[in-house]
Amino acid sequence: MAIETLKSEITGTVWKILFEEGAVIEAEAELMILESMKMEIPVEAEYKGRIQKILVAEGDPVEEDQDLAVIEVD
């Protein structure tokens, strides 16, 4: 199985995390929501798999291209 890292596409703040570590996810599932300039931006999984590690917490600032989560791809 491959390991993929989910990255932030924007600079902002982690507003909400929708899954816990160990959760099985489908491709295009919304994993978390980032907030930037009063806009909510969903972060979607590119692949089906299992969340191995969430690297941020709600309220954390994030930079563009920052690692957000590690996913074990099916």
C-alpha atoms as a PDB file:
ATOM      1  CA  MET A   1       0.000   0.000   0.000  1.00  0.00           C
ATOM      2  CA  ALA A   2       1.165   3.484  -0.825  1.00  0.00           C
ATOM      3  CA  ILE A   3       1.448   6.388   1.577  1.00  0.00           C
ATOM      4  CA  GLU A   4       0.270   9.833   0.429  1.00  0.00           C
ATOM      5  CA  THR A   5       0.548  13.185   2.208  1.00  0.00           C
ATOM      6  CA  LEU A   6      -2.402  15.566   2.019  1.00  0.00           C
ATOM      7  CA  LYS A   7      -1.204  19.168   1.611  1.00  0.00           C
ATOM      8  CA  SER A   8      -2.816  22.549   2.135  1.00  0.00           C
ATOM      9  CA  GLU A   9      -3.584  24.488  -1.035  1.00  0.00           C
ATOM     10  CA  ILE A  10      -3.846  27.812   0.840  1.00  0.00           C
ATOM     11  CA  THR A  11      -2.496  29.790   3.770  1.00  0.00           C
ATOM     12  CA  GLY A  12      -5.101  29.977   6.513  1.00  0.00           C
ATOM     13  CA  THR A  13      -6.340  28.323   9.711  1.00  0.00           C
ATOM     14  CA  VAL A  14      -7.673  24.826  10.378  1.00  0.00           C
ATOM     15  CA  TRP A  15     -11.322  25.525  11.170  1.00  0.00           C
ATOM     16  CA  LYS A  16     -12.673  21.988  11.535  1.00  0.00           C
ATOM     17  CA  ILE A  17     -11.354  18.418  11.281  1.00  0.00           C
ATOM     18  CA  LEU A  18     -14.059  16.007  10.119  1.00  0.00           C
ATOM     19  CA  PHE A  19     -12.345  12.591  10.559  1.00  0.00           C
ATOM     20  CA  GLU A  20     -10.139  10.980  13.214  1.00  0.00           C
ATOM     21  CA  GLU A  21      -6.931   9.022  12.771  1.00  0.00           C
ATOM     22  CA  GLY A  22      -7.669   5.462  11.691  1.00  0.00           C
ATOM     23  CA  ALA A  23     -10.836   6.398   9.807  1.00  0.00           C
ATOM     24  CA  VAL A  24     -11.467   4.768   6.441  1.00  0.00           C
ATOM     25  CA  ILE A  25     -12.175   7.417   3.801  1.00  0.00           C
ATOM     26  CA  GLU A  26     -13.433   7.485   0.240  1.00  0.00           C
ATOM     27  CA  ALA A  27     -11.858   9.477  -2.586  1.00  0.00           C
ATOM     28  CA  GLU A  28     -13.139  13.077  -2.591  1.00  0.00           C
ATOM     29  CA  ALA A  29     -14.262  12.875   1.058  1.00  0.00           C
ATOM     30  CA  GLU A  30     -13.998  16.211   2.902  1.00  0.00           C
ATOM     31  CA  LEU A  31     -11.376  15.619   5.590  1.00  0.00           C
ATOM     32  CA  MET A  32     -11.138  19.095   7.056  1.00  0.00           C
ATOM     33  CA  ILE A  33     -12.119  22.691   6.461  1.00  0.00           C
ATOM     34  CA  LEU A  34      -9.633  25.542   6.320  1.00  0.00           C
ATOM     35  CA  GLU A  35     -10.561  29.187   6.846  1.00  0.00           C
ATOM     36  CA  SER A  36      -8.891  31.986   4.944  1.00  0.00           C
ATOM     37  CA  MET A  37     -10.100  35.563   4.628  1.00  0.00           C
ATOM     38  CA  LYS A  38     -13.517  34.578   6.094  1.00  0.00           C
ATOM     39  CA  MET A  39     -13.965  31.848   3.465  1.00  0.00           C
ATOM     40  CA  GLU A  40     -14.309  28.139   4.274  1.00  0.00           C
ATOM     41  CA  ILE A  41     -12.230  25.947   1.989  1.00  0.00           C
ATOM     42  CA  PRO A  42     -12.780  22.157   2.104  1.00  0.00           C
ATOM     43  CA  VAL A  43      -9.769  19.843   1.950  1.00  0.00           C
ATOM     44  CA  GLU A  44     -10.679  16.659   0.080  1.00  0.00           C
ATOM     45  CA  ALA A  45      -8.958  13.295  -0.092  1.00  0.00           C
ATOM     46  CA  GLU A  46      -7.581  12.451  -3.509  1.00  0.00           C
ATOM     47  CA  TYR A  47      -7.650   8.699  -2.842  1.00  0.00           C
ATOM     48  CA  LYS A  48      -9.595   6.041  -0.982  1.00  0.00           C
ATOM     49  CA  GLY A  49      -7.734   4.783   2.083  1.00  0.00           C
ATOM     50  CA  ARG A  50      -7.180   5.125   5.830  1.00  0.00           C
ATOM     51  CA  ILE A  51      -5.987   8.189   7.737  1.00  0.00           C
ATOM     52  CA  GLN A  52      -2.701   7.219   9.404  1.00  0.00           C
ATOM     53  CA  LYS A  53      -1.868  10.553  11.031  1.00  0.00           C
ATOM     54  CA  ILE A  54      -3.416  14.001  11.269  1.00  0.00           C
ATOM     55  CA  LEU A  55      -0.583  16.531  11.463  1.00  0.00           C
ATOM     56  CA  VAL A  56      -2.596  19.623  12.486  1.00  0.00           C
ATOM     57  CA  ALA A  57      -5.235  20.528  15.061  1.00  0.00           C
ATOM     58  CA  GLU A  58      -8.289  22.766  14.919  1.00  0.00           C
ATOM     59  CA  GLY A  59      -7.188  26.373  15.267  1.00  0.00           C
ATOM     60  CA  ASP A  60      -3.674  25.768  13.922  1.00  0.00           C
ATOM     61  CA  PRO A  61      -2.350  28.200  11.310  1.00  0.00           C
ATOM     62  CA  VAL A  62      -1.237  26.508   8.080  1.00  0.00           C
ATOM     63  CA  GLU A  63       0.862  27.630   5.146  1.00  0.00           C
ATOM     64  CA  GLU A  64       0.344  26.822   1.488  1.00  0.00           C
ATOM     65  CA  ASP A  65       1.816  23.381   0.639  1.00  0.00           C
ATOM     66  CA  GLN A  66       2.027  22.384   4.342  1.00  0.00           C
ATOM     67  CA  ASP A  67       1.434  18.705   5.180  1.00  0.00           C
ATOM     68  CA  LEU A  68      -1.964  18.200   6.836  1.00  0.00           C
ATOM     69  CA  ALA A  69      -2.418  14.428   7.046  1.00  0.00           C
ATOM     70  CA  VAL A  70      -0.841  11.124   6.064  1.00  0.00           C
ATOM     71  CA  ILE A  71      -3.089   8.652   4.244  1.00  0.00           C
ATOM     72  CA  GLU A  72      -2.491   4.961   3.556  1.00  0.00           C
ATOM     73  CA  VAL A  73      -3.947   4.537   0.070  1.00  0.00           C
ATOM     74  CA  ASP A  74      -5.893   1.377  -0.861  1.00  0.00           C
END
